[in-house]
Amino acid sequence: MNYTILAYETADAYAARTDPNKQENYRAGWMAYTQVLREAGIMVTGAGLQAPDTSTTVKLHNGQRLVQDGPYADTKEQLGGFYIINVPDLDTALGWAARCPAAVAGGVVEVRPNIQMPS
């Protein structure tokens, strides 16, 4: 079954992406985690996301599209990226999520089962 790992990072951890003094270590942690998922043969896909201030929110109101710059939720954690993994059960997915650099750095990692689309 496919599970999505949503990596929410603290503001400080997220800022390490662009801090010249922390960037190398930050990237190394994510690259190592990605490599372990690949080597285990469970990684389906994944992507890092650009900063929350690059997002655009779309809502419909009375059939009209309302577009707003910035993230939908104003939270302390930033959604930094996601992985989709294929593992047998939720316990296995949670084990992999606990190894995610966001969790290790004090952020939150959300795990959701994916809906299986009919083929």
Protein backbone atom coordinates (compact mmCIF):
# COMPACT_ATOMS: atom_id res chain seq x y z
CA MET A 1 0.00 0.00 0.00
CA ASN A 2 1.19 3.51 -0.72
CA TYR A 3 1.57 6.00 2.12
CA THR A 4 2.47 9.67 1.85
CA ILE A 5 4.96 11.09 4.32
CA LEU A 6 4.40 14.85 4.73
CA ALA A 7 7.45 16.53 6.26
CA TYR A 8 6.67 19.65 8.31
CA GLU A 9 9.79 21.47 9.44
CA THR A 10 10.24 24.07 12.14
CA ALA A 11 10.99 27.58 10.90
CA ASP A 12 14.62 27.23 12.02
CA ALA A 13 15.09 23.89 10.28
CA TYR A 14 13.44 25.22 7.13
CA ALA A 15 15.71 28.28 7.16
CA ALA A 16 18.73 25.97 7.06
CA ARG A 17 17.94 25.35 3.38
CA THR A 18 19.34 28.74 2.45
CA ASP A 19 21.78 29.41 5.31
CA PRO A 20 25.29 29.07 3.81
CA ASN A 21 26.60 27.74 7.15
CA LYS A 22 23.90 25.05 7.50
CA GLN A 23 22.83 24.28 3.95
CA GLU A 24 25.32 21.48 3.30
CA ASN A 25 24.38 19.52 6.45
CA TYR A 26 20.69 20.13 5.81
CA ARG A 27 20.85 18.74 2.28
CA ALA A 28 23.07 15.82 3.32
CA GLY A 29 20.43 14.63 5.80
CA TRP A 30 17.68 14.69 3.19
CA MET A 31 19.83 13.06 0.52
CA ALA A 32 20.80 10.26 2.91
CA TYR A 33 17.15 9.65 3.86
CA THR A 34 16.11 9.60 0.19
CA GLN A 35 18.90 7.15 -0.63
CA VAL A 36 17.88 4.79 2.19
CA LEU A 37 14.26 4.81 0.95
CA ARG A 38 15.47 4.02 -2.59
CA GLU A 39 17.82 1.27 -1.43
CA ALA A 40 14.97 -0.30 0.56
CA GLY A 41 12.96 -0.39 -2.68
CA ILE A 42 9.97 1.42 -1.15
CA MET A 43 10.23 4.91 -2.60
CA VAL A 44 7.57 5.65 -5.19
CA THR A 45 8.28 9.38 -5.55
CA GLY A 46 8.93 12.52 -3.55
CA ALA A 47 9.73 16.19 -3.84
CA GLY A 48 10.91 19.08 -1.78
CA LEU A 49 8.75 22.17 -1.91
CA GLN A 50 9.77 25.77 -2.37
CA ALA A 51 9.23 28.21 0.51
CA PRO A 52 5.66 28.82 1.73
CA ASP A 53 5.73 32.41 0.53
CA THR A 54 5.89 31.08 -3.06
CA SER A 55 2.55 29.31 -2.70
CA THR A 56 -0.78 30.41 -4.11
CA THR A 57 -4.14 29.42 -2.64
CA VAL A 58 -7.22 28.94 -4.81
CA LYS A 59 -10.82 28.87 -3.52
CA LEU A 60 -14.14 28.94 -5.32
CA HIS A 61 -16.87 31.29 -4.09
CA ASN A 62 -20.15 31.37 -6.01
CA GLY A 63 -18.38 29.84 -8.98
CA GLN A 64 -15.67 32.53 -8.99
CA ARG A 65 -12.04 31.66 -8.47
CA LEU A 66 -10.44 33.55 -5.57
CA VAL A 67 -6.65 33.53 -5.67
CA GLN A 68 -4.49 34.52 -2.72
CA ASP A 69 -0.72 34.63 -2.43
CA GLY A 70 0.89 32.72 0.38
CA PRO A 71 0.17 29.52 2.26
CA TYR A 72 -3.31 28.44 3.27
CA ALA A 73 -2.48 27.84 6.93
CA ASP A 74 -0.47 30.17 9.12
CA THR A 75 1.46 27.67 11.23
CA LYS A 76 4.84 27.48 12.92
CA GLU A 77 5.82 24.44 10.87
CA GLN A 78 6.35 24.65 7.13
CA LEU A 79 5.46 21.83 4.74
CA GLY A 80 8.87 21.18 3.27
CA GLY A 81 8.19 18.21 1.06
CA PHE A 82 6.74 14.75 0.73
CA TYR A 83 7.59 11.16 -0.05
CA ILE A 84 5.27 8.45 -1.29
CA ILE A 85 6.41 5.04 -0.14
CA ASN A 86 5.03 1.58 -0.80
CA VAL A 87 5.06 -0.56 2.34
CA PRO A 88 2.83 -3.34 3.68
CA ASP A 89 1.18 -1.48 6.56
CA LEU A 90 0.89 1.68 8.67
CA ASP A 91 3.35 0.48 11.32
CA THR A 92 6.04 0.10 8.67
CA ALA A 93 5.22 3.54 7.24
CA LEU A 94 5.47 5.07 10.73
CA GLY A 95 8.87 3.46 11.23
CA TRP A 96 10.15 5.09 8.06
CA ALA A 97 8.53 8.41 8.95
CA ALA A 98 10.32 8.43 12.31
CA ARG A 99 13.63 8.39 10.41
CA CYS A 100 12.68 11.44 8.32
CA PRO A 101 15.03 14.41 8.88
CA ALA A 102 12.04 16.64 9.71
CA ALA A 103 11.11 14.36 12.62
CA VAL A 104 14.72 14.05 13.76
CA ALA A 105 15.06 17.87 13.80
CA GLY A 106 11.96 18.34 15.95
CA GLY A 107 9.40 18.93 13.22
CA VAL A 108 6.23 16.97 12.55
CA VAL A 109 5.84 14.17 10.06
CA GLU A 110 2.33 13.25 9.00
CA VAL A 111 1.65 9.86 7.43
CA ARG A 112 -1.46 9.24 5.35
CA PRO A 113 -2.56 6.22 3.40
CA ASN A 114 -3.10 7.01 -0.25
CA ILE A 115 -6.47 6.38 -1.86
CA GLN A 116 -6.16 3.69 -4.47
CA MET A 117 -7.52 5.02 -7.72
CA PRO A 118 -9.37 2.65 -9.98
CA SER A 119 -7.42 1.74 -13.08
